[in-house]
Amino acid sequence: MYIQYTMDQLTLPMDLEDDIPQNHLVRIVNAAVNRLSDSIFASAYPGGGRDSYHPKMLTKVIVYAYAQRIYSSRQIAKAVRENVMFMWIAGRQQPDFRTINRFRSERIKMVLETVFTAVLQFLAEEKYVRLEHYFVDGTKIEANANRYTFVWGKAVVKQKAKLQEKVQTLFAAIEESERQEEQEHHGRDLSELGETAQITGEKLEEAVKRLEAQLQEKPKDKPIKKAVRTIRKDLLPRLQKYESQQKVLGDRNSFSKTDTDATFMRMKEDHMRNGQLKPGYNVQIGTENQFIIGYSLHQRPTDTRCLKPHLEKVKAALGKIPKTVIADAGYGGEENYAYLENEQLDAVVKYSTYHKEKSKKWQEDISKLDNWQFDEAEDKWTCAAGRSLLFRYESKETTESGYELRKRHYRSENCEGCPLKEACTKAKGNREISVSLKYLRYKKQAREKLMSEEGYALSVRRMIEPESVFGQLKNNRGFRRFLLRGLPKVSLEVGWLSLAHNLLKKAAIDQKPEMAVQG
């Protein structure tokens, strides 16, 4: 009547191998990591102490866990104890959650990129990728930080200035109360603060020590006693706090107190749909055939300034950058075009006004330089009304990364009485413009490339390359918030995610052999 059921006797076979389907993802992860040389992990294990779990076993377990939407170290340890697939890939060993977390966030920090690159080379050898096209894009992922613990750069500067003014007022009060000291200094800054308006924590510390020495000589001097108490309990700690915050900020405009490496950014995926600012990181990836070729993590909210450091990281890992770089308008700045040209790369990169230029409204707008004529020989512009704008001077500006922007400034000879002036400019005087001729040349090259058959095909393909990968990471695998804190550890999380994604993609293709790998 029933199939025999008993839990009191052994059942053969006892090997878990027979319970794993031949084309299962866990076998692909196992085979990929087994191909890695043991020497890759040597630098992560200096030796000494008790024997460690094998790094390949831990790598397999973590990669497979990330592919299964399991990111918590405790949940991974639980799966190793209870899940047949994890038991098999771990060889029945049971590392605890501390071992797993220490391995993924500390032990392997120097070798994870090498592991990622080695797996990518296997994929290239097997023709899954050809490293010819590089589709780059970025997305913001929320940091593991309290969203209401923000520190704003402008607020720090403002509060620090107010505090310094308060310190100056306090010392001025001491100076006023001691006429003899006033006569000695003749209206100059107090010697305690030095001959400068900028008060630092170090200078204030030295000044209060001198006041404390004076107080030893005149213990009943109430103004000095009050000043010392105010500085020690209030002003000095606050000034030191502001200086510490400015050091953490660097060139950023904000950071979170619970993860000081995280910057506040607007998140598209905000559940309130109101563009709320949250602490996060800007994740940049480059893909080909929806495999992740390179990844990097940034503290800047905008993509423009991330392209060069991202590609430099890819170049360091792969030894070269794929020949053709494809990106959207967020990367179309002069500095990026110049970098791509210097690296001798084919750039299929839109600029911010590329699509607007195609509209009838733009083409009929007489205020736009695109609708004017430029005479390179005479170095002058001719506006829609036929009047000339002559060269006046050239200005230079150096960006934060050291790139020099050169703009040429032109002014109309005479706009008086021009019937088109109202539609051309709101300025009361003659029309003035500033132009980077180099940027105009880059825009022309980009326009020609994008309008070519190959460029158009690549720009269309870009929409289903990195965007699809981000969809896989965020929606299909539910990774919308980092678990670790700090730029180095969060970078490792991105590495684990990228490694798991590539092996998942390989498994999907292997299970559908009819899917042709695109060129």
Protein backbone atom coordinates (compact mmCIF):
# COMPACT_ATOMS: atom_id res chain seq x y z
CA MET A 1 0.00 0.00 0.00
CA TYR A 2 2.87 2.39 0.87
CA ILE A 3 6.46 2.67 -0.34
CA GLN A 4 8.71 1.45 2.44
CA TYR A 5 9.81 4.35 4.64
CA THR A 6 12.29 4.09 7.50
CA MET A 7 14.81 6.42 9.08
CA ASP A 8 16.57 3.74 11.08
CA GLN A 9 18.87 2.31 8.42
CA LEU A 10 21.51 3.59 6.00
CA THR A 11 20.56 4.18 2.39
CA LEU A 12 22.94 3.79 -0.54
CA PRO A 13 24.47 5.59 -2.30
CA MET A 14 25.84 7.85 0.46
CA ASP A 15 27.79 10.08 -1.95
CA LEU A 16 26.05 13.44 -2.56
CA GLU A 17 27.46 13.43 -6.11
CA ASP A 18 24.49 11.42 -7.38
CA ASP A 19 22.04 14.04 -6.07
CA ILE A 20 23.56 16.89 -8.15
CA PRO A 21 22.20 17.28 -11.72
CA GLN A 22 24.89 17.33 -14.39
CA ASN A 23 24.16 20.86 -15.66
CA HIS A 24 23.49 22.38 -12.26
CA LEU A 25 24.98 25.81 -11.46
CA VAL A 26 26.87 24.40 -8.48
CA ARG A 27 28.90 22.18 -10.83
CA ILE A 28 29.80 25.20 -12.99
CA VAL A 29 30.96 27.12 -9.93
CA ASN A 30 32.95 24.09 -8.79
CA ALA A 31 34.62 23.61 -12.18
CA ALA A 32 35.45 27.32 -12.60
CA VAL A 33 37.11 27.67 -9.18
CA ASN A 34 38.96 24.34 -9.59
CA ARG A 35 40.65 25.78 -12.68
CA LEU A 36 42.27 28.48 -10.57
CA SER A 37 45.87 27.97 -9.52
CA ASP A 38 46.44 27.47 -5.79
CA SER A 39 49.25 30.01 -6.02
CA ILE A 40 46.67 32.80 -6.48
CA PHE A 41 45.65 32.42 -2.83
CA ALA A 42 49.18 32.05 -1.45
CA SER A 43 49.56 35.74 -0.51
CA ALA A 44 46.35 35.58 1.57
CA TYR A 45 47.82 32.87 3.85
CA PRO A 46 51.17 33.86 5.40
CA GLY A 47 51.37 30.58 7.33
CA GLY A 48 51.59 29.72 11.01
CA GLY A 49 48.89 28.71 13.44
CA ARG A 50 46.36 25.95 12.90
CA ASP A 51 45.43 24.71 9.43
CA SER A 52 42.91 26.86 7.57
CA TYR A 53 39.93 25.88 5.47
CA HIS A 54 40.93 25.61 1.81
CA PRO A 55 40.44 28.99 0.08
CA LYS A 56 38.97 27.30 -3.00
CA MET A 57 36.26 25.68 -0.88
CA LEU A 58 35.35 28.98 0.76
CA THR A 59 35.42 30.78 -2.61
CA LYS A 60 33.03 28.20 -4.10
CA VAL A 61 30.66 28.45 -1.14
CA ILE A 62 30.50 32.26 -1.22
CA VAL A 63 30.15 32.55 -5.01
CA TYR A 64 27.39 29.95 -5.06
CA ALA A 65 25.67 31.67 -2.13
CA TYR A 66 25.67 35.04 -3.92
CA ALA A 67 24.23 33.33 -6.99
CA GLN A 68 21.41 31.99 -4.78
CA ARG A 69 20.56 35.40 -3.26
CA ILE A 70 22.16 34.46 0.06
CA TYR A 71 24.38 37.32 1.26
CA SER A 72 24.39 37.04 5.07
CA SER A 73 27.35 35.10 6.46
CA ARG A 74 25.06 33.46 9.03
CA GLN A 75 22.66 32.34 6.31
CA ILE A 76 25.57 30.99 4.24
CA ALA A 77 26.84 29.00 7.26
CA LYS A 78 23.31 27.67 7.80
CA ALA A 79 23.07 26.58 4.14
CA VAL A 80 26.38 24.72 4.42
CA ARG A 81 24.88 22.71 7.26
CA GLU A 82 21.46 22.08 5.74
CA ASN A 83 21.49 22.43 1.93
CA VAL A 84 22.62 19.46 -0.19
CA MET A 85 24.23 21.65 -2.88
CA PHE A 86 26.23 23.60 -0.30
CA MET A 87 27.18 20.38 1.51
CA TRP A 88 28.52 18.95 -1.73
CA ILE A 89 30.51 22.01 -2.80
CA ALA A 90 31.91 22.38 0.75
CA GLY A 91 32.96 18.72 0.85
CA ARG A 92 30.83 18.23 3.99
CA GLN A 93 32.98 20.76 5.86
CA GLN A 94 31.14 23.31 7.99
CA PRO A 95 32.91 26.68 8.35
CA ASP A 96 31.09 28.99 10.77
CA PHE A 97 29.79 32.44 9.89
CA ARG A 98 32.84 34.21 11.38
CA THR A 99 35.19 32.22 9.15
CA ILE A 100 33.05 32.94 6.08
CA ASN A 101 32.76 36.66 6.84
CA ARG A 102 36.48 37.01 7.66
CA PHE A 103 37.40 35.27 4.41
CA ARG A 104 35.15 37.33 2.12
CA SER A 105 35.85 40.75 3.71
CA GLU A 106 39.45 40.51 4.94
CA ARG A 107 41.42 37.41 3.98
CA ILE A 108 40.82 37.61 0.23
CA LYS A 109 40.92 41.39 -0.17
CA MET A 110 44.27 41.31 -2.00
CA VAL A 111 43.45 38.45 -4.37
CA LEU A 112 39.73 38.71 -5.26
CA GLU A 113 40.41 40.86 -8.34
CA THR A 114 43.00 38.30 -9.46
CA VAL A 115 40.40 35.54 -9.05
CA PHE A 116 37.86 37.58 -11.01
CA THR A 117 40.36 38.23 -13.82
CA ALA A 118 41.38 34.56 -13.96
CA VAL A 119 37.74 33.46 -14.35
CA LEU A 120 37.27 36.14 -17.01
CA GLN A 121 40.22 34.72 -18.92
CA PHE A 122 38.58 31.27 -18.86
CA LEU A 123 35.43 32.83 -20.31
CA ALA A 124 37.49 34.52 -23.03
CA GLU A 125 39.29 31.26 -23.89
CA GLU A 126 35.93 29.53 -24.28
CA LYS A 127 34.61 32.40 -26.48
CA TYR A 128 31.91 33.60 -24.11
CA VAL A 129 33.51 37.05 -24.38
CA ARG A 130 35.96 38.49 -26.90
CA LEU A 131 37.02 41.64 -25.03
CA GLU A 132 36.37 43.78 -28.11
CA HIS A 133 33.42 45.89 -26.93
CA TYR A 134 33.08 47.51 -23.53
CA PHE A 135 29.63 48.76 -22.54
CA VAL A 136 29.99 50.93 -19.44
CA ASP A 137 27.33 52.29 -17.09
CA GLY A 138 26.80 53.03 -13.42
CA THR A 139 24.16 52.51 -10.77
CA LYS A 140 23.77 53.65 -7.18
CA ILE A 141 23.38 51.10 -4.40
CA GLU A 142 22.48 52.05 -0.85
CA ALA A 143 25.20 51.73 1.80
CA ASN A 144 24.82 49.84 5.06
CA ALA A 145 24.38 53.10 6.95
CA ASN A 146 21.63 54.99 8.72
CA ARG A 147 20.05 57.32 6.17
CA TYR A 148 19.54 60.06 8.79
CA THR A 149 23.16 60.32 10.01
CA PHE A 150 24.35 62.74 7.35
CA VAL A 151 27.12 65.33 7.59
CA TRP A 152 27.01 68.05 4.93
CA GLY A 153 30.18 69.81 3.80
CA LYS A 154 28.58 73.26 3.49
CA ALA A 155 27.10 72.98 6.99
CA VAL A 156 30.51 72.04 8.45
CA VAL A 157 32.17 75.06 6.79
CA LYS A 158 29.39 77.37 7.99
CA GLN A 159 29.44 76.11 11.59
CA LYS A 160 33.24 76.19 11.71
CA ALA A 161 33.24 79.84 10.54
CA LYS A 162 30.70 80.76 13.23
CA LEU A 163 32.79 79.01 15.88
CA GLN A 164 35.95 80.81 14.81
CA GLU A 165 34.09 84.12 15.02
CA LYS A 166 32.97 83.18 18.53
CA VAL A 167 36.58 82.40 19.52
CA GLN A 168 37.75 85.76 18.17
CA THR A 169 34.98 87.53 20.12
CA LEU A 170 35.97 85.68 23.31
CA PHE A 171 39.62 86.68 23.04
CA ALA A 172 38.62 90.23 22.15
CA ALA A 173 36.62 90.34 25.38
CA ILE A 174 39.70 89.24 27.34
CA GLU A 175 41.73 91.90 25.57
CA GLU A 176 39.18 94.56 26.42
CA SER A 177 39.13 93.56 30.08
CA GLU A 178 42.89 93.86 30.39
CA ARG A 179 43.89 97.35 29.29
CA GLN A 180 47.51 96.75 29.92
CA GLU A 181 47.50 93.84 27.41
CA GLU A 182 45.63 96.04 24.92
CA GLN A 183 48.32 98.70 25.07
CA GLU A 184 51.03 96.07 24.66
CA HIS A 185 49.51 94.59 21.47
CA HIS A 186 48.34 97.90 19.93
CA GLY A 187 45.20 96.48 18.37
CA ARG A 188 46.83 93.44 16.76
CA ASP A 189 45.58 89.86 17.13
CA LEU A 190 46.24 88.36 20.50
CA SER A 191 49.55 86.54 20.63
CA GLU A 192 47.76 83.45 21.82
CA LEU A 193 46.11 83.09 18.40
CA GLY A 194 48.97 84.27 16.24
CA GLU A 195 48.95 86.70 13.33
CA THR A 196 46.22 84.97 11.35
CA ALA A 197 42.43 84.98 11.11
CA GLN A 198 42.32 81.20 10.52
CA ILE A 199 42.08 79.43 13.85
CA THR A 200 42.98 75.75 13.90
CA GLY A 201 42.45 73.24 16.68
CA GLU A 202 46.19 73.07 17.24
CA LYS A 203 46.53 76.85 17.59
CA LEU A 204 43.53 77.04 19.91
CA GLU A 205 45.03 74.26 22.05
CA GLU A 206 48.29 76.22 22.37
CA ALA A 207 46.39 79.43 23.14
CA VAL A 208 44.33 77.90 25.93
CA LYS A 209 47.46 76.41 27.49
CA ARG A 210 48.96 79.89 27.64
CA LEU A 211 45.76 81.20 29.21
CA GLU A 212 45.90 78.40 31.77
CA ALA A 213 49.48 79.43 32.58
CA GLN A 214 48.26 83.02 33.11
CA LEU A 215 45.50 81.71 35.32
CA GLN A 216 48.08 80.04 37.56
CA GLU A 217 49.60 83.47 38.13
CA LYS A 218 46.21 85.23 38.49
CA PRO A 219 43.80 82.58 39.81
CA LYS A 220 41.07 85.17 40.55
CA ASP A 221 40.96 86.60 37.04
CA LYS A 222 37.31 85.84 36.14
CA PRO A 223 37.45 86.65 32.39
CA ILE A 224 40.39 84.28 31.84
CA LYS A 225 38.83 81.59 34.04
CA LYS A 226 35.56 81.81 32.09
CA ALA A 227 37.41 81.76 28.75
CA VAL A 228 39.44 78.66 29.68
CA ARG A 229 36.30 76.83 30.81
CA THR A 230 34.39 77.79 27.62
CA ILE A 231 37.24 76.79 25.31
CA ARG A 232 37.96 73.46 27.05
CA LYS A 233 34.35 72.31 27.37
CA ASP A 234 32.81 73.75 24.21
CA LEU A 235 34.84 75.58 21.60
CA LEU A 236 37.91 73.35 21.30
CA PRO A 237 35.98 70.02 21.11
CA ARG A 238 33.65 71.48 18.47
CA LEU A 239 36.50 72.88 16.39
CA GLN A 240 38.32 69.54 16.51
CA LYS A 241 35.08 67.81 15.47
CA TYR A 242 34.64 70.12 12.46
CA GLU A 243 38.26 69.60 11.41
CA SER A 244 37.84 65.84 11.67
CA GLN A 245 34.65 66.00 9.58
CA GLN A 246 36.38 68.10 6.90
CA LYS A 247 39.18 65.54 6.74
CA VAL A 248 36.63 62.73 6.20
CA LEU A 249 34.75 64.78 3.58
CA GLY A 250 37.81 65.45 1.42
CA ASP A 251 36.42 66.73 -1.89
CA ARG A 252 32.94 65.28 -1.24
CA ASN A 253 29.91 67.28 -0.15
CA SER A 254 28.54 64.76 2.37
CA PHE A 255 29.14 61.52 4.26
CA SER A 256 27.29 59.24 6.67
CA LYS A 257 28.33 58.95 10.29
CA THR A 258 27.72 55.19 10.30
CA ASP A 259 29.72 54.56 7.10
CA THR A 260 32.00 57.51 6.56
CA ASP A 261 33.01 56.31 3.08
CA ALA A 262 29.39 56.51 1.86
CA THR A 263 28.16 59.68 0.14
CA PHE A 264 24.54 60.85 0.08
CA MET A 265 23.07 60.31 -3.39
CA ARG A 266 19.65 60.39 -5.01
CA MET A 267 18.35 56.86 -5.48
CA LYS A 268 16.05 56.10 -8.42
CA GLU A 269 14.69 53.02 -6.65
CA ASP A 270 13.42 54.97 -3.64
CA HIS A 271 10.17 53.38 -2.50
CA MET A 272 8.59 56.80 -1.92
CA ARG A 273 9.33 57.80 -5.54
CA ASN A 274 10.50 61.23 -4.39
CA GLY A 275 14.22 61.00 -5.10
CA GLN A 276 15.21 60.82 -1.45
CA LEU A 277 18.88 61.26 -0.61
CA LYS A 278 20.43 58.15 0.91
CA PRO A 279 24.00 57.13 1.78
CA GLY A 280 25.34 55.00 -1.05
CA TYR A 281 28.05 54.19 -3.56
CA ASN A 282 28.23 54.58 -7.33
CA VAL A 283 28.94 51.14 -8.85
CA GLN A 284 30.50 51.23 -12.32
CA ILE A 285 30.59 48.14 -14.51
CA GLY A 286 31.61 47.32 -18.06
CA THR A 287 29.97 44.42 -19.88
CA GLU A 288 30.17 42.39 -23.06
CA ASN A 289 27.47 39.86 -23.94
CA GLN A 290 26.08 40.74 -20.49
CA PHE A 291 29.17 39.33 -18.76
CA ILE A 292 30.85 41.77 -16.36
CA ILE A 293 34.30 42.56 -17.75
CA GLY A 294 35.27 45.15 -15.17
CA TYR A 295 33.89 46.79 -12.04
CA SER A 296 34.78 49.64 -9.73
CA LEU A 297 33.28 51.52 -6.79
CA HIS A 298 33.10 55.30 -6.45
CA GLN A 299 32.01 57.91 -3.93
CA ARG A 300 30.90 60.40 -6.59
CA PRO A 301 27.18 60.57 -7.40
CA THR A 302 27.70 61.47 -11.09
CA ASP A 303 29.14 59.12 -13.71
CA THR A 304 31.19 61.72 -15.61
CA ARG A 305 34.20 61.74 -13.27
CA CYS A 306 34.13 57.96 -12.79
CA LEU A 307 35.01 56.87 -16.35
CA LYS A 308 38.76 57.50 -16.28
CA PRO A 309 39.49 55.81 -12.89
CA HIS A 310 37.20 52.94 -13.87
CA LEU A 311 38.98 52.30 -17.17
CA GLU A 312 42.38 52.67 -15.50
CA LYS A 313 41.37 49.91 -13.07
CA VAL A 314 40.27 47.69 -15.98
CA LYS A 315 43.54 48.38 -17.77
CA ALA A 316 45.54 47.39 -14.68
CA ALA A 317 43.59 44.13 -14.33
CA LEU A 318 43.42 43.03 -17.98
CA GLY A 319 46.55 44.68 -19.32
CA LYS A 320 44.45 46.57 -21.88
CA ILE A 321 41.07 48.20 -22.40
CA PRO A 322 38.72 46.65 -25.00
CA LYS A 323 39.07 48.53 -28.30
CA THR A 324 35.59 50.09 -28.40
CA VAL A 325 34.02 51.85 -25.40
CA ILE A 326 30.27 52.47 -25.51
CA ALA A 327 28.57 54.74 -22.96
CA ASP A 328 25.57 57.01 -22.54
CA ALA A 329 25.43 60.80 -22.33
CA GLY A 330 26.44 60.84 -18.67
CA TYR A 331 30.05 60.22 -19.76
CA GLY A 332 30.17 62.66 -22.69
CA GLY A 333 32.45 65.35 -21.29
CA GLU A 334 35.54 66.86 -22.92
CA GLU A 335 37.91 65.31 -20.38
CA ASN A 336 36.53 61.82 -21.06
CA TYR A 337 36.71 62.26 -24.84
CA ALA A 338 40.33 63.43 -24.50
CA TYR A 339 41.20 60.42 -22.34
CA LEU A 340 39.64 57.95 -24.81
CA GLU A 341 41.50 59.63 -27.69
CA ASN A 342 44.83 59.48 -25.83
CA GLU A 343 44.25 55.77 -25.14
CA GLN A 344 43.54 55.26 -28.87
CA LEU A 345 40.11 53.82 -28.16
CA ASP A 346 37.05 53.98 -30.39
CA ALA A 347 34.46 55.99 -28.48
CA VAL A 348 30.76 55.51 -29.05
CA VAL A 349 29.82 57.95 -26.32
CA LYS A 350 26.90 60.35 -26.49
CA TYR A 351 27.12 63.90 -25.18
CA SER A 352 24.40 65.61 -23.17
CA THR A 353 22.67 67.43 -26.06
CA TYR A 354 22.94 64.67 -28.69
CA HIS A 355 19.23 63.82 -28.81
CA LYS A 356 18.08 67.43 -28.33
CA GLU A 357 20.03 68.51 -31.41
CA LYS A 358 17.79 66.33 -33.57
CA SER A 359 14.62 68.16 -32.54
CA LYS A 360 13.03 70.82 -34.71
CA LYS A 361 12.91 73.21 -31.77
CA TRP A 362 16.70 73.01 -31.32
CA GLN A 363 17.43 73.39 -35.03
CA GLU A 364 15.28 76.52 -35.23
CA ASP A 365 16.73 78.09 -32.06
CA ILE A 366 18.92 80.94 -33.30
CA SER A 367 20.66 81.28 -29.93
CA LYS A 368 22.40 77.91 -30.30
CA LEU A 369 25.98 77.82 -31.57
CA ASP A 370 25.13 74.69 -33.59
CA ASN A 371 23.06 76.95 -35.87
CA TRP A 372 25.87 79.48 -36.38
CA GLN A 373 28.84 79.51 -38.74
CA PHE A 374 32.47 79.39 -37.58
CA ASP A 375 35.33 80.68 -39.72
CA GLU A 376 38.44 78.90 -38.47
CA ALA A 377 40.82 80.95 -40.63
CA GLU A 378 39.57 84.30 -39.28
CA ASP A 379 38.66 82.82 -35.88
CA LYS A 380 35.19 84.34 -35.75
CA TRP A 381 31.58 83.25 -35.40
CA THR A 382 28.69 84.48 -37.54
CA CYS A 383 25.31 84.51 -35.81
CA ALA A 384 21.88 83.88 -37.35
CA ALA A 385 21.54 87.59 -38.10
CA GLY A 386 24.81 87.59 -40.06
CA ARG A 387 26.76 89.61 -37.50
CA SER A 388 30.31 88.64 -36.48
CA LEU A 389 31.52 87.67 -33.04
CA LEU A 390 35.28 88.30 -32.79
CA PHE A 391 37.83 86.61 -30.56
CA ARG A 392 38.72 88.49 -27.37
CA TYR A 393 40.77 86.21 -25.09
CA GLU A 394 41.36 82.62 -23.99
CA SER A 395 40.80 81.36 -20.46
CA LYS A 396 42.18 78.24 -18.79
CA GLU A 397 40.68 76.11 -16.06
CA THR A 398 42.20 73.05 -14.41
CA THR A 399 39.84 70.34 -13.23
CA GLU A 400 40.25 68.46 -9.98
CA SER A 401 41.90 65.58 -11.82
CA GLY A 402 44.44 67.91 -13.47
CA TYR A 403 42.87 68.21 -16.93
CA GLU A 404 43.21 71.68 -18.50
CA LEU A 405 40.07 73.14 -20.10
CA ARG A 406 40.65 75.96 -22.58
CA LYS A 407 37.81 78.24 -23.59
CA ARG A 408 37.91 80.94 -26.22
CA HIS A 409 35.77 84.01 -25.59
CA TYR A 410 34.05 85.95 -28.39
CA ARG A 411 31.95 89.11 -28.47
CA SER A 412 29.64 90.51 -31.12
CA GLU A 413 30.84 93.69 -32.84
CA ASN A 414 27.41 95.26 -32.49
CA CYS A 415 24.02 93.84 -31.53
CA GLU A 416 22.27 97.22 -31.52
CA GLY A 417 19.20 97.28 -33.68
CA CYS A 418 19.33 93.53 -34.39
CA PRO A 419 15.77 92.25 -34.98
CA LEU A 420 16.76 88.79 -33.65
CA LYS A 421 18.39 89.96 -30.43
CA GLU A 422 15.39 89.21 -28.22
CA ALA A 423 15.37 85.58 -29.39
CA CYS A 424 19.17 85.35 -29.27
CA THR A 425 20.12 86.70 -25.83
CA LYS A 426 18.75 88.36 -22.71
CA ALA A 427 21.97 90.35 -22.20
CA LYS A 428 21.60 94.13 -22.41
CA GLY A 429 24.85 94.64 -24.28
CA ASN A 430 26.47 92.74 -27.14
CA ARG A 431 26.24 88.93 -27.25
CA GLU A 432 29.21 87.11 -25.70
CA ILE A 433 30.04 83.42 -25.90
CA SER A 434 32.74 81.11 -24.51
CA VAL A 435 33.60 77.99 -26.49
CA SER A 436 35.96 75.04 -26.18
CA LEU A 437 36.93 74.34 -29.79
CA LYS A 438 38.42 71.03 -28.70
CA TYR A 439 35.09 69.94 -27.21
CA LEU A 440 33.29 70.97 -30.42
CA ARG A 441 35.67 68.72 -32.37
CA TYR A 442 35.02 65.82 -30.01
CA LYS A 443 31.26 66.34 -30.34
CA LYS A 444 31.51 66.29 -34.12
CA GLN A 445 33.49 63.02 -34.03
CA ALA A 446 30.99 61.48 -31.60
CA ARG A 447 28.05 62.60 -33.76
CA GLU A 448 29.56 61.03 -36.88
CA LYS A 449 30.33 57.80 -35.03
CA LEU A 450 26.85 57.55 -33.52
CA MET A 451 25.17 58.18 -36.86
CA SER A 452 27.17 55.45 -38.60
CA GLU A 453 25.64 52.00 -39.01
CA GLU A 454 28.06 50.37 -36.57
CA GLY A 455 27.79 53.18 -34.01
CA TYR A 456 24.00 53.14 -34.08
CA ALA A 457 23.91 49.35 -33.62
CA LEU A 458 26.29 49.56 -30.65
CA SER A 459 24.37 52.42 -29.02
CA VAL A 460 21.14 50.41 -29.29
CA ARG A 461 22.87 47.33 -27.92
CA ARG A 462 24.15 49.38 -24.97
CA MET A 463 20.58 49.65 -23.68
CA ILE A 464 20.40 45.87 -23.15
CA GLU A 465 23.94 45.35 -21.90
CA PRO A 466 24.78 46.91 -18.49
CA GLU A 467 21.13 47.79 -17.83
CA SER A 468 20.19 44.10 -17.99
CA VAL A 469 23.01 43.22 -15.61
CA PHE A 470 21.86 45.84 -13.11
CA GLY A 471 18.34 44.44 -13.41
CA GLN A 472 19.67 40.98 -12.63
CA LEU A 473 21.61 42.19 -9.59
CA LYS A 474 18.95 44.44 -8.10
CA ASN A 475 15.64 42.86 -9.06
CA ASN A 476 16.24 39.17 -9.79
CA ARG A 477 18.80 38.65 -7.03
CA GLY A 478 17.46 41.30 -4.69
CA PHE A 479 20.76 43.04 -3.95
CA ARG A 480 19.72 46.63 -3.19
CA ARG A 481 21.80 47.38 -0.11
CA PHE A 482 25.37 46.53 0.84
CA LEU A 483 25.97 44.39 3.91
CA LEU A 484 29.50 45.57 4.71
CA ARG A 485 30.79 49.04 5.55
CA GLY A 486 33.74 51.02 4.26
CA LEU A 487 35.00 51.46 0.70
CA PRO A 488 37.47 48.51 0.71
CA LYS A 489 34.95 45.97 2.03
CA VAL A 490 32.10 47.22 -0.16
CA SER A 491 34.42 46.93 -3.19
CA LEU A 492 34.90 43.28 -2.27
CA GLU A 493 31.12 42.80 -2.19
CA VAL A 494 30.91 44.16 -5.74
CA GLY A 495 33.65 41.71 -6.74
CA TRP A 496 31.77 38.74 -5.28
CA LEU A 497 28.56 39.87 -6.99
CA SER A 498 30.35 40.23 -10.34
CA LEU A 499 31.99 36.82 -10.05
CA ALA A 500 28.67 35.15 -9.17
CA HIS A 501 26.90 36.95 -12.02
CA ASN A 502 29.41 35.79 -14.63
CA LEU A 503 29.11 32.15 -13.60
CA LEU A 504 25.31 32.42 -13.53
CA LYS A 505 25.41 33.84 -17.05
CA LYS A 506 27.69 31.02 -18.19
CA ALA A 507 25.31 28.45 -16.69
CA ALA A 508 22.34 30.04 -18.48
CA ILE A 509 24.15 29.87 -21.83
CA ASP A 510 25.34 26.31 -21.23
CA GLN A 511 21.78 25.21 -20.54
CA LYS A 512 20.65 26.76 -23.83
CA PRO A 513 23.32 25.79 -26.36
CA GLU A 514 21.30 27.31 -29.15
CA MET A 515 22.00 30.77 -27.70
CA ALA A 516 24.77 32.17 -29.88
CA VAL A 517 27.41 34.32 -28.23
CA GLN A 518 27.32 37.71 -29.88
CA GLY A 519 30.44 39.18 -31.38
